[in-house]
Protein backbone atom coordinates (compact mmCIF):
# COMPACT_ATOMS: atom_id res chain seq x y z
CA UNK A 1 -23.45 -25.78 41.96
CA UNK A 2 -25.94 -23.58 40.39
CA UNK A 3 -23.38 -21.04 39.92
CA UNK A 4 -21.07 -23.44 38.24
CA UNK A 5 -24.07 -24.58 36.14
CA UNK A 6 -24.83 -20.91 35.03
CA UNK A 7 -20.75 -20.31 34.12
CA UNK A 8 -20.48 -23.46 32.16
CA UNK A 9 -23.92 -22.34 30.34
CA UNK A 10 -22.17 -18.71 29.73
CA UNK A 11 -18.87 -20.80 28.23
CA UNK A 12 -20.91 -22.89 25.91
CA UNK A 13 -22.95 -19.74 24.92
CA UNK A 14 -19.61 -17.84 24.13
CA UNK A 15 -17.80 -20.57 22.62
CA UNK A 16 -21.26 -20.86 20.01
CA UNK A 17 -20.95 -17.46 19.33
CA UNK A 18 -17.33 -17.62 18.31
CA UNK A 19 -18.06 -20.38 15.87
CA UNK A 20 -21.15 -18.90 14.35
CA UNK A 21 -19.28 -15.59 13.80
CA UNK A 22 -15.95 -17.40 11.76
CA UNK A 23 -18.54 -19.75 10.16
CA UNK A 24 -20.58 -16.53 9.01
CA UNK A 25 -17.71 -14.74 7.59
CA UNK A 26 -16.20 -17.76 6.01
CA UNK A 27 -19.38 -18.16 3.82
CA UNK A 28 -19.53 -14.26 3.44
CA UNK A 29 -16.60 -14.95 1.48
CA UNK A 30 -17.57 -17.64 -0.59
CA UNK A 31 -20.48 -15.98 -1.57
CA UNK A 32 -18.75 -12.49 -2.56
CA UNK A 33 -16.59 -15.04 -4.67
CA UNK A 34 -19.39 -16.71 -6.38
CA UNK A 35 -21.04 -13.87 -7.20
CA UNK A 36 -17.70 -11.85 -8.71
CA UNK A 37 -17.03 -14.50 -10.74
CA UNK A 38 -20.36 -14.95 -12.12
CA UNK A 39 -20.51 -11.21 -12.83
CA UNK A 40 -17.18 -11.71 -14.21
CA UNK A 41 -18.19 -14.72 -16.39
CA UNK A 42 -21.17 -12.42 -18.06
CA UNK A 43 -19.07 -9.57 -18.60
CA UNK A 44 -15.91 -11.54 -19.48
CA UNK A 45 -16.67 -13.45 -21.98
CA UNK A 46 -13.60 -16.41 -22.28
CA UNK A 47 -11.82 -14.34 -19.72
CA UNK A 48 -14.49 -15.24 -17.25
CA UNK A 49 -13.05 -19.00 -16.71
CA UNK A 50 -10.96 -19.38 -13.90
CA UNK A 51 -8.43 -22.01 -12.81
CA UNK A 52 -7.14 -19.99 -9.75
CA UNK A 53 -8.37 -17.64 -6.96
CA UNK A 54 -5.86 -15.26 -5.65
CA UNK A 55 -6.36 -13.23 -2.56
CA UNK A 56 -4.57 -9.32 -2.98
CA UNK A 57 -4.68 -8.09 0.48
CA UNK A 58 -3.21 -4.99 2.08
CA UNK A 59 -4.48 -1.94 0.22
CA UNK A 60 -6.98 0.57 1.34
CA UNK A 61 -9.77 0.67 -1.24
CA UNK A 62 -9.90 4.09 -0.91
CA UNK A 63 -6.59 4.99 -2.23
CA UNK A 64 -6.18 5.64 -5.92
CA UNK A 65 -2.75 4.02 -6.07
CA UNK A 66 -4.43 0.15 -4.87
CA UNK A 67 -7.19 0.96 -7.04
CA UNK A 68 -5.54 1.48 -9.89
CA UNK A 69 -3.33 -1.60 -9.32
CA UNK A 70 -6.16 -3.99 -8.27
CA UNK A 71 -7.94 -3.08 -11.27
CA UNK A 72 -4.93 -3.47 -13.66
CA UNK A 73 -4.18 -6.99 -11.89
CA UNK A 74 -8.03 -8.04 -11.90
CA UNK A 75 -7.56 -7.77 -15.54
CA UNK A 76 -4.59 -9.09 -16.47
CA UNK A 77 -5.24 -11.94 -13.89
CA UNK A 78 -8.62 -13.03 -15.93
CA UNK A 79 -6.84 -13.11 -19.60
CA UNK A 80 -4.89 -16.11 -17.80
CA UNK A 81 -7.66 -17.92 -15.77
CA UNK A 82 -6.86 -16.28 -12.21
CA UNK A 83 -9.78 -14.82 -10.13
CA UNK A 84 -7.80 -11.65 -8.16
CA UNK A 85 -10.18 -10.88 -5.30
CA UNK A 86 -9.68 -7.60 -3.58
CA UNK A 87 -9.64 -9.75 -0.30
CA UNK A 88 -12.05 -8.28 2.49
CA UNK A 89 -12.87 -5.58 0.25
CA UNK A 90 -17.03 -6.70 0.74
CA UNK A 91 -16.80 -7.13 4.40
CA UNK A 92 -18.78 -4.53 6.64
CA UNK A 93 -15.91 -4.52 9.80
CA UNK A 94 -12.55 -3.36 9.39
CA UNK A 95 -9.83 -6.20 9.78
CA UNK A 96 -6.04 -5.90 9.72
CA UNK A 97 -4.01 -7.26 6.97
CA UNK A 98 -2.56 -9.95 9.50
CA UNK A 99 -6.35 -11.25 9.83
CA UNK A 100 -7.28 -10.98 6.32
CA UNK A 101 -4.15 -13.12 5.60
CA UNK A 102 -4.80 -15.64 7.87
CA UNK A 103 -8.38 -15.71 6.53
CA UNK A 104 -7.04 -16.72 3.01
CA UNK A 105 -4.93 -19.36 4.12
CA UNK A 106 -7.86 -20.72 5.90
CA UNK A 107 -9.85 -20.57 2.45
CA UNK A 108 -7.34 -22.87 0.58
CA UNK A 109 -6.90 -19.80 -1.62
CA UNK A 110 -4.62 -20.40 -4.67
CA UNK A 111 -2.37 -17.68 -3.93
CA UNK A 112 -2.00 -14.30 -1.93
CA UNK A 113 -0.71 -11.27 -2.91
CA UNK A 114 0.63 -8.85 0.08
CA UNK A 115 0.94 -5.20 -0.02
CA UNK A 116 2.04 -4.53 3.72
CA UNK A 117 4.88 -3.74 6.11
CA UNK A 118 7.38 -6.37 6.95
CA UNK A 119 6.48 -6.97 10.90
CA UNK A 120 7.58 -10.20 12.25
CA UNK A 121 3.47 -11.50 12.16
CA UNK A 122 3.33 -11.11 8.66
CA UNK A 123 6.48 -12.65 8.08
CA UNK A 124 5.24 -15.93 10.11
CA UNK A 125 2.14 -15.68 7.80
CA UNK A 126 3.92 -15.88 4.67
CA UNK A 127 5.91 -18.83 5.91
CA UNK A 128 2.52 -20.64 7.07
CA UNK A 129 1.25 -20.27 3.74
CA UNK A 130 4.59 -21.62 1.98
CA UNK A 131 3.86 -24.56 4.22
CA UNK A 132 0.36 -25.07 3.31
CA UNK A 133 1.43 -24.87 -0.41
CA UNK A 134 0.25 -21.42 -1.18
CA UNK A 135 2.37 -18.88 -3.32
CA UNK A 136 2.85 -15.56 -1.65
CA UNK A 137 4.04 -12.78 -3.83
CA UNK A 138 4.89 -9.52 -1.88
CA UNK A 139 4.18 -6.02 -3.21
CA UNK A 140 6.05 -2.89 -2.64
CA UNK A 141 7.22 -3.84 0.69
CA UNK A 142 9.45 -6.87 0.22
CA UNK A 143 9.66 -9.41 2.99
CA UNK A 144 12.72 -11.93 1.46
CA UNK A 145 13.43 -14.03 4.57
CA UNK A 146 9.83 -15.47 4.85
CA UNK A 147 9.49 -18.19 1.69
CA UNK A 148 7.66 -15.53 -0.50
CA UNK A 149 7.94 -16.81 -4.17
CA UNK A 150 8.63 -13.69 -5.54
CA UNK A 151 8.81 -9.52 -4.87
CA UNK A 152 7.12 -7.18 -7.16
CA UNK A 153 8.08 -3.36 -6.58
CA UNK A 154 10.23 -0.71 -7.18
CA UNK A 155 13.80 -0.59 -5.77
CA UNK A 156 13.42 1.09 -2.24
CA UNK A 157 17.25 2.42 -2.29
CA UNK A 158 16.91 3.80 -6.18
CA UNK A 159 13.47 5.59 -4.81
CA UNK A 160 15.31 6.99 -1.51
CA UNK A 161 18.01 8.19 -3.96
CA UNK A 162 15.01 10.22 -6.18
CA UNK A 163 13.83 11.54 -3.24
CA UNK A 164 16.80 12.62 -1.53
CA UNK A 165 17.73 14.48 -4.75
CA UNK A 166 14.35 16.36 -4.66
CA UNK A 167 14.87 17.25 -1.26
CA UNK A 168 18.52 18.84 -2.30
CA UNK A 169 16.10 21.00 -4.93
CA UNK A 170 14.00 21.76 -2.15
CA UNK A 171 15.71 23.37 0.08
CA UNK A 172 17.04 26.85 -0.06
CA UNK A 173 19.44 27.58 3.22
CA UNK A 174 21.68 25.45 5.50
CA UNK A 175 20.20 24.56 8.87
CA UNK A 176 16.44 23.27 7.17
CA UNK A 177 14.47 20.27 8.60
CA UNK A 178 12.96 17.50 6.69
CA UNK A 179 10.59 15.46 8.16
CA UNK A 180 9.62 11.91 6.35
CA UNK A 181 6.38 10.94 6.60
CA UNK A 182 6.42 7.05 7.14
CA UNK A 183 2.86 5.64 7.20
CA UNK A 184 3.45 2.69 9.41
CA UNK A 185 2.27 2.25 13.40
CA UNK A 186 4.82 2.42 16.03
CA UNK A 187 4.90 -1.45 16.16
CA UNK A 188 6.20 -1.69 12.58
CA UNK A 189 9.41 -1.51 10.70
CA UNK A 190 9.85 2.07 8.67
CA UNK A 191 10.82 1.59 5.13
CA UNK A 192 14.52 1.92 5.91
CA UNK A 193 15.64 1.34 2.56
CA UNK A 194 14.15 4.37 1.27
CA UNK A 195 14.78 6.53 4.24
CA UNK A 196 18.48 5.36 3.92
CA UNK A 197 18.53 6.45 0.42
CA UNK A 198 17.22 9.98 1.19
CA UNK A 199 19.47 10.33 4.04
CA UNK A 200 22.74 9.24 2.29
CA UNK A 201 22.11 10.89 -0.79
CA UNK A 202 21.69 14.44 1.88
CA UNK A 203 25.12 13.49 3.46
CA UNK A 204 26.93 13.57 0.18
CA UNK A 205 26.55 17.18 0.26
CA UNK A 206 28.41 19.51 2.40
CA UNK A 207 25.13 21.53 2.93
CA UNK A 208 23.79 21.33 6.98
CA UNK A 209 20.50 19.67 6.06
CA UNK A 210 18.63 17.48 9.27
CA UNK A 211 16.64 14.52 7.89
CA UNK A 212 14.24 12.48 10.68
CA UNK A 213 11.11 10.29 10.08
CA UNK A 214 7.47 10.87 11.50
CA UNK A 215 5.21 8.06 11.75
CA UNK A 216 1.71 9.31 10.39
CA UNK A 217 0.22 5.64 11.64
CA UNK A 218 -2.41 3.32 9.46
CA UNK A 219 -2.92 4.51 5.71
CA UNK A 220 -6.54 6.05 6.63
CA UNK A 221 -7.33 9.39 5.82
CA UNK A 222 -8.49 10.81 8.72
CA UNK A 223 -5.56 9.34 10.51
CA UNK A 224 -3.31 11.23 8.14
CA UNK A 225 -4.84 14.57 8.44
CA UNK A 226 -4.63 14.77 12.18
CA UNK A 227 -0.81 13.77 12.05
CA UNK A 228 0.10 16.21 9.23
CA UNK A 229 -2.56 18.99 10.65
CA UNK A 230 0.12 18.65 13.96
CA UNK A 231 2.96 18.75 12.65
CA UNK A 232 2.62 21.58 10.30
CA UNK A 233 0.30 24.05 12.81
CA UNK A 234 3.58 23.12 15.61
CA UNK A 235 5.30 26.23 14.88
CA UNK A 236 8.96 25.59 16.50
CA UNK A 237 9.38 22.47 15.03
CA UNK A 238 7.94 22.73 11.96
CA UNK A 239 9.52 21.34 9.00
CA UNK A 240 10.74 23.05 5.69
CA UNK A 241 10.27 20.20 3.47
CA UNK A 242 7.53 17.20 3.94
CA UNK A 243 8.16 13.95 2.49
CA UNK A 244 5.43 11.78 1.97
CA UNK A 245 5.53 8.03 1.01
CA UNK A 246 2.15 7.51 0.35
CA UNK A 247 -0.97 8.96 -1.99
CA UNK A 248 -3.22 9.98 1.87
CA UNK A 249 -0.04 12.04 3.26
CA UNK A 250 0.55 13.52 0.22
CA UNK A 251 -3.38 14.73 0.00
CA UNK A 252 -3.24 15.73 3.58
CA UNK A 253 -0.52 17.66 3.16
CA UNK A 254 -1.54 19.68 0.05
CA UNK A 255 -4.68 20.26 1.75
CA UNK A 256 -3.10 21.21 5.08
CA UNK A 257 -0.25 23.86 3.64
CA UNK A 258 -2.86 25.38 1.79
CA UNK A 259 -5.48 25.76 4.18
CA UNK A 260 -3.39 27.12 6.83
CA UNK A 261 -1.35 29.49 4.43
CA UNK A 262 1.65 27.60 4.70
CA UNK A 263 2.45 27.70 0.75
CA UNK A 264 6.37 28.93 0.43
CA UNK A 265 6.69 28.11 4.19
CA UNK A 266 6.60 24.31 3.63
CA UNK A 267 7.64 22.58 0.49
CA UNK A 268 6.03 18.97 -0.46
CA UNK A 269 7.81 16.16 -1.84
CA UNK A 270 4.70 13.42 -2.64
CA UNK A 271 3.87 9.71 -3.80
CA UNK A 272 2.14 8.92 -6.73
CA UNK A 273 -0.42 10.82 -8.80
CA UNK A 274 -3.90 11.96 -8.44
CA UNK A 275 -6.07 14.94 -9.23
CA UNK A 276 -5.51 16.69 -6.00
CA UNK A 277 -1.51 15.93 -6.70
CA UNK A 278 -1.72 17.22 -9.73
CA UNK A 279 -3.38 20.26 -9.36
CA UNK A 280 -1.03 20.92 -6.24
CA UNK A 281 2.08 20.42 -8.61
CA UNK A 282 0.48 23.02 -11.01
CA UNK A 283 -0.17 25.60 -8.70
CA UNK A 284 2.97 25.67 -7.03
CA UNK A 285 2.21 23.96 -3.86
CA UNK A 286 3.38 20.35 -4.22
CA UNK A 287 7.25 20.87 -5.65
CA UNK A 288 6.91 17.23 -7.32
CA UNK A 289 5.99 13.60 -6.96
CA UNK A 290 7.44 10.08 -7.28
CA UNK A 291 4.84 8.06 -9.26
CA UNK A 292 5.65 4.06 -9.15
CA UNK A 293 3.59 2.41 -11.94
CA UNK A 294 0.78 1.10 -10.04
CA UNK A 295 -0.80 -0.28 -13.09
CA UNK A 296 2.41 -2.14 -14.16
CA UNK A 297 2.58 -3.50 -10.56
CA UNK A 298 -1.08 -5.25 -10.87
CA UNK A 299 0.16 -6.90 -14.32
CA UNK A 300 3.26 -8.18 -12.82
CA UNK A 301 1.71 -9.43 -9.72
CA UNK A 302 -0.54 -11.49 -12.17
CA UNK A 303 2.19 -12.56 -13.96
CA UNK A 304 4.61 -13.63 -11.07
CA UNK A 305 1.60 -15.50 -9.52
CA UNK A 306 0.60 -17.20 -13.28
CA UNK A 307 4.18 -18.37 -14.22
CA UNK A 308 4.43 -20.10 -10.55
CA UNK A 309 1.26 -21.85 -10.31
CA UNK A 310 1.53 -23.21 -13.68
CA UNK A 311 5.25 -23.88 -13.95
CA UNK A 312 6.07 -23.81 -10.18
CA UNK A 313 9.33 -20.99 -10.62
CA UNK A 314 8.98 -17.86 -11.14
CA UNK A 315 11.27 -14.54 -10.77
CA UNK A 316 12.18 -13.66 -7.32
CA UNK A 317 12.30 -9.78 -8.44
CA UNK A 318 9.85 -8.28 -10.87
CA UNK A 319 10.91 -4.20 -11.21
CA UNK A 320 8.62 -1.66 -11.26
CA UNK A 321 9.28 1.67 -13.55
CA UNK A 322 9.41 5.14 -11.56
CA UNK A 323 8.62 8.42 -12.93
CA UNK A 324 9.08 12.30 -11.66
CA UNK A 325 6.12 14.79 -11.94
CA UNK A 326 7.14 17.84 -11.39
CA UNK A 327 6.47 21.59 -12.74
CA UNK A 328 7.94 20.66 -16.42
CA UNK A 329 5.49 17.84 -17.14
CA UNK A 330 2.56 18.35 -15.18
CA UNK A 331 0.37 19.47 -17.60
CA UNK A 332 1.07 16.09 -19.96
CA UNK A 333 0.15 13.96 -17.20
CA UNK A 334 -3.18 16.35 -16.30
CA UNK A 335 -4.31 16.11 -20.26
CA UNK A 336 -3.70 12.28 -19.71
CA UNK A 337 -6.01 12.05 -16.70
CA UNK A 338 -8.68 14.01 -18.23
CA UNK A 339 -8.20 12.14 -21.85
CA UNK A 340 -7.65 14.78 -24.01
């Protein structure tokens, strides 16, 4: 009997601790939101008056692409009465995209912007948000059958074709191998349209080039460095060309090729723009990089959300422009970055 009572007491303690944890997370979000709104009110004048709260979920705060996109979205949103929150950035613990989306739904935000892979879990959560009356905009990776109101991003197949053309320029011999670094986990789907665009562009030629994917895992710097280092130090299976589909993998590839004296042995085709990536192109370590306009994507997210929140209608697709940076135009981008 005593043991039964002790077990019950333990169960109640665990339940109470769980409830307290959930409440503390929700209170933390509320306090963070109030503080951010207050700070924006003081700094933004008339733009500090918000009608809507939109959660932006999925980007790594240390990723320069996400940082540029979010800051532009925050500025653009403030102009039309939307408070765009980098949801979860203020928390001390790391939560998965799915967990953050659930928290956003439970917090009854007015809208959600998601940058993530098209998994069944995410598709289900978007449907739950739709049922709760919360509009969702997918960013960079579409989930078309989920109930999302709009997709903001580049055409994945067109991106793949651009990468494919760069691969053909990089490959100097038949029998060459190309690894496409895909920043997803094993349980997640790969960006198939980008890969299809690459492989079909390469296949249209008569050249003997093998193209395969390598999953680099979560979009985290340490994980990326470990995976890329493992690929490059494997002399037997080392690829002739590395195609990177995010900033973190591009920088990791650049640093590894440089540090292990593999310049000229492995060509890098990167993603987006950062001081390190531009330096890599200028030094001839990175052949080129394909830059999706992050600031434009941030503005379009808020445009899509504002249209829907105010009119209950918006376009299903907002295309984002794409640019190629290589040795011919890299100096202009470096000058732009430095403000000269």
